[in-house]
């Protein structure tokens, strides 16, 4: 996603998902909190128990 797409999704109340390139089984990659920058974001995920600096293109709308 681009910075603009992320900001628009947040405004609409959409849930975001981190597509971790090296996922850990059992983690919930739903984004709980986010600070958006141009190409990267700092996110809180896994029910607020984990934090990561991620590329914006690794984020998407949460799958249903």
N, C-alpha and C. Protein backbone atom coordinates (compact mmCIF):
# COMPACT_ATOMS: atom_id res chain seq x y z
N UNK A 1 0.85 -1.17 0.00
CA UNK A 1 0.00 0.00 0.00
C UNK A 1 0.90 1.24 0.00
N UNK A 2 0.36 2.32 -0.51
CA UNK A 2 1.07 3.58 -0.44
C UNK A 2 0.68 4.31 0.84
N UNK A 3 1.43 5.33 1.18
CA UNK A 3 1.11 6.13 2.37
C UNK A 3 -0.31 6.67 2.26
N UNK A 4 -0.66 7.16 1.10
CA UNK A 4 -2.00 7.73 0.88
C UNK A 4 -3.09 6.66 1.06
N UNK A 5 -2.86 5.46 0.55
CA UNK A 5 -3.83 4.37 0.69
C UNK A 5 -4.00 3.97 2.15
N UNK A 6 -2.89 3.92 2.87
CA UNK A 6 -2.94 3.56 4.29
C UNK A 6 -3.73 4.60 5.06
N UNK A 7 -3.42 5.87 4.84
CA UNK A 7 -4.12 6.95 5.54
C UNK A 7 -5.61 6.95 5.22
N UNK A 8 -5.96 6.67 3.97
CA UNK A 8 -7.37 6.60 3.57
C UNK A 8 -8.07 5.42 4.27
N UNK A 9 -7.42 4.28 4.33
CA UNK A 9 -7.99 3.10 4.98
C UNK A 9 -8.22 3.37 6.47
N UNK A 10 -7.27 4.04 7.10
CA UNK A 10 -7.40 4.37 8.53
C UNK A 10 -8.59 5.29 8.74
N UNK A 11 -8.72 6.29 7.88
CA UNK A 11 -9.85 7.24 7.98
C UNK A 11 -11.19 6.52 7.88
N UNK A 12 -11.24 5.50 7.03
CA UNK A 12 -12.48 4.74 6.82
C UNK A 12 -12.71 3.69 7.90
N UNK A 13 -11.76 3.55 8.80
CA UNK A 13 -11.90 2.58 9.88
C UNK A 13 -11.58 1.15 9.48
N UNK A 14 -10.91 0.97 8.35
CA UNK A 14 -10.56 -0.37 7.88
C UNK A 14 -9.45 -0.96 8.74
N UNK A 15 -9.47 -2.26 8.88
CA UNK A 15 -8.41 -2.98 9.60
C UNK A 15 -7.27 -3.26 8.62
N UNK A 16 -6.04 -3.06 9.10
CA UNK A 16 -4.87 -3.33 8.28
C UNK A 16 -4.20 -4.61 8.75
N UNK A 17 -3.46 -5.21 7.83
CA UNK A 17 -2.79 -6.49 8.07
C UNK A 17 -1.35 -6.36 7.59
N UNK A 18 -0.40 -6.87 8.39
CA UNK A 18 1.00 -6.90 7.97
C UNK A 18 1.29 -8.25 7.36
N UNK A 19 1.70 -8.24 6.12
CA UNK A 19 2.09 -9.46 5.41
C UNK A 19 3.57 -9.70 5.70
N UNK A 20 3.86 -10.19 6.88
CA UNK A 20 5.23 -10.41 7.34
C UNK A 20 5.93 -11.37 6.38
N UNK A 21 7.08 -10.95 5.82
CA UNK A 21 7.79 -11.84 4.88
C UNK A 21 8.37 -13.09 5.58
N UNK A 22 8.46 -13.06 6.90
CA UNK A 22 8.96 -14.21 7.66
C UNK A 22 8.04 -14.45 8.86
N UNK A 23 6.78 -14.87 8.59
CA UNK A 23 5.78 -14.95 9.66
C UNK A 23 6.11 -16.00 10.72
N UNK A 24 5.65 -15.72 11.92
CA UNK A 24 5.80 -16.65 13.04
C UNK A 24 4.43 -17.26 13.31
N UNK A 25 4.36 -18.57 13.29
CA UNK A 25 3.10 -19.27 13.51
C UNK A 25 2.49 -18.84 14.84
N UNK A 26 1.20 -18.51 14.82
CA UNK A 26 0.49 -18.13 16.03
C UNK A 26 0.39 -16.63 16.25
N UNK A 27 1.20 -15.83 15.54
CA UNK A 27 1.10 -14.37 15.68
C UNK A 27 -0.13 -13.84 14.94
N UNK A 28 -0.75 -12.83 15.50
CA UNK A 28 -1.87 -12.14 14.87
C UNK A 28 -1.29 -10.88 14.23
N UNK A 29 -1.27 -10.82 12.91
CA UNK A 29 -0.64 -9.71 12.20
C UNK A 29 -1.60 -8.56 11.89
N UNK A 30 -2.73 -8.53 12.60
CA UNK A 30 -3.63 -7.39 12.51
C UNK A 30 -2.92 -6.19 13.13
N UNK A 31 -2.92 -5.06 12.42
CA UNK A 31 -2.26 -3.85 12.91
C UNK A 31 -3.16 -3.22 13.97
N UNK A 32 -2.62 -3.07 15.18
CA UNK A 32 -3.36 -2.46 16.29
C UNK A 32 -3.15 -0.96 16.35
N UNK A 33 -1.94 -0.51 16.00
CA UNK A 33 -1.59 0.91 16.03
C UNK A 33 -0.55 1.14 14.96
N UNK A 34 -0.54 2.35 14.38
CA UNK A 34 0.39 2.61 13.29
C UNK A 34 0.80 4.07 13.27
N UNK A 35 2.07 4.28 12.95
CA UNK A 35 2.61 5.61 12.68
C UNK A 35 3.16 5.54 11.26
N UNK A 36 2.55 6.27 10.33
CA UNK A 36 2.84 6.15 8.91
C UNK A 36 3.87 7.18 8.47
N UNK A 37 4.87 6.72 7.72
CA UNK A 37 5.87 7.57 7.10
C UNK A 37 5.81 7.33 5.59
N UNK A 38 6.67 7.97 4.84
CA UNK A 38 6.60 7.88 3.38
C UNK A 38 6.68 6.46 2.84
N UNK A 39 7.72 5.73 3.19
CA UNK A 39 7.90 4.38 2.65
C UNK A 39 7.80 3.29 3.71
N UNK A 40 7.85 3.69 4.96
CA UNK A 40 7.81 2.73 6.05
C UNK A 40 6.82 3.19 7.11
N UNK A 41 6.43 2.27 7.97
CA UNK A 41 5.55 2.58 9.09
C UNK A 41 6.04 1.82 10.31
N UNK A 42 5.72 2.35 11.48
CA UNK A 42 5.96 1.62 12.72
C UNK A 42 4.61 1.13 13.18
N UNK A 43 4.51 -0.18 13.38
CA UNK A 43 3.22 -0.77 13.74
C UNK A 43 3.31 -1.52 15.07
N UNK A 44 2.16 -1.63 15.69
CA UNK A 44 1.96 -2.50 16.84
C UNK A 44 1.01 -3.58 16.32
N UNK A 45 1.29 -4.83 16.65
CA UNK A 45 0.45 -5.95 16.18
C UNK A 45 0.47 -7.04 17.22
N UNK A 46 -0.18 -8.14 16.94
CA UNK A 46 -0.22 -9.29 17.85
C UNK A 46 -0.87 -8.89 19.18
N UNK A 47 -2.02 -8.21 19.04
CA UNK A 47 -2.79 -7.73 20.21
C UNK A 47 -1.97 -6.77 21.07
N UNK A 48 -1.13 -5.96 20.40
CA UNK A 48 -0.33 -4.96 21.09
C UNK A 48 0.92 -5.49 21.75
N UNK A 49 1.21 -6.77 21.58
CA UNK A 49 2.36 -7.39 22.23
C UNK A 49 3.66 -7.29 21.42
N UNK A 50 3.56 -6.85 20.15
CA UNK A 50 4.74 -6.80 19.30
C UNK A 50 4.76 -5.49 18.52
N UNK A 51 5.96 -5.07 18.14
CA UNK A 51 6.12 -3.84 17.37
C UNK A 51 7.14 -4.09 16.27
N UNK A 52 6.95 -3.42 15.13
CA UNK A 52 7.89 -3.60 14.03
C UNK A 52 7.91 -2.35 13.15
N UNK A 53 9.04 -2.14 12.50
CA UNK A 53 9.15 -1.12 11.46
C UNK A 53 9.03 -1.89 10.15
N UNK A 54 8.02 -1.56 9.35
CA UNK A 54 7.72 -2.34 8.16
C UNK A 54 7.63 -1.44 6.93
N UNK A 55 7.88 -2.02 5.77
CA UNK A 55 7.66 -1.30 4.52
C UNK A 55 6.16 -1.18 4.28
N UNK A 56 5.73 -0.03 3.80
CA UNK A 56 4.30 0.17 3.55
C UNK A 56 3.74 -0.83 2.55
N UNK A 57 4.57 -1.29 1.60
CA UNK A 57 4.05 -2.25 0.62
C UNK A 57 3.77 -3.63 1.24
N UNK A 58 4.21 -3.85 2.49
CA UNK A 58 3.91 -5.10 3.18
C UNK A 58 2.56 -5.06 3.89
N UNK A 59 1.91 -3.91 3.88
CA UNK A 59 0.60 -3.75 4.54
C UNK A 59 -0.52 -3.91 3.53
N UNK A 60 -1.63 -4.43 3.99
CA UNK A 60 -2.82 -4.58 3.14
C UNK A 60 -4.05 -4.49 4.02
N UNK A 61 -5.21 -4.47 3.38
CA UNK A 61 -6.45 -4.55 4.15
C UNK A 61 -6.53 -5.95 4.75
N UNK A 62 -7.03 -6.04 5.97
CA UNK A 62 -7.10 -7.33 6.65
C UNK A 62 -8.00 -8.28 5.89
N UNK A 63 -7.53 -9.50 5.62
CA UNK A 63 -8.38 -10.49 4.95
C UNK A 63 -9.58 -10.84 5.83
N UNK A 64 -10.67 -11.11 5.17
CA UNK A 64 -11.91 -11.46 5.91
C UNK A 64 -11.90 -12.92 6.27
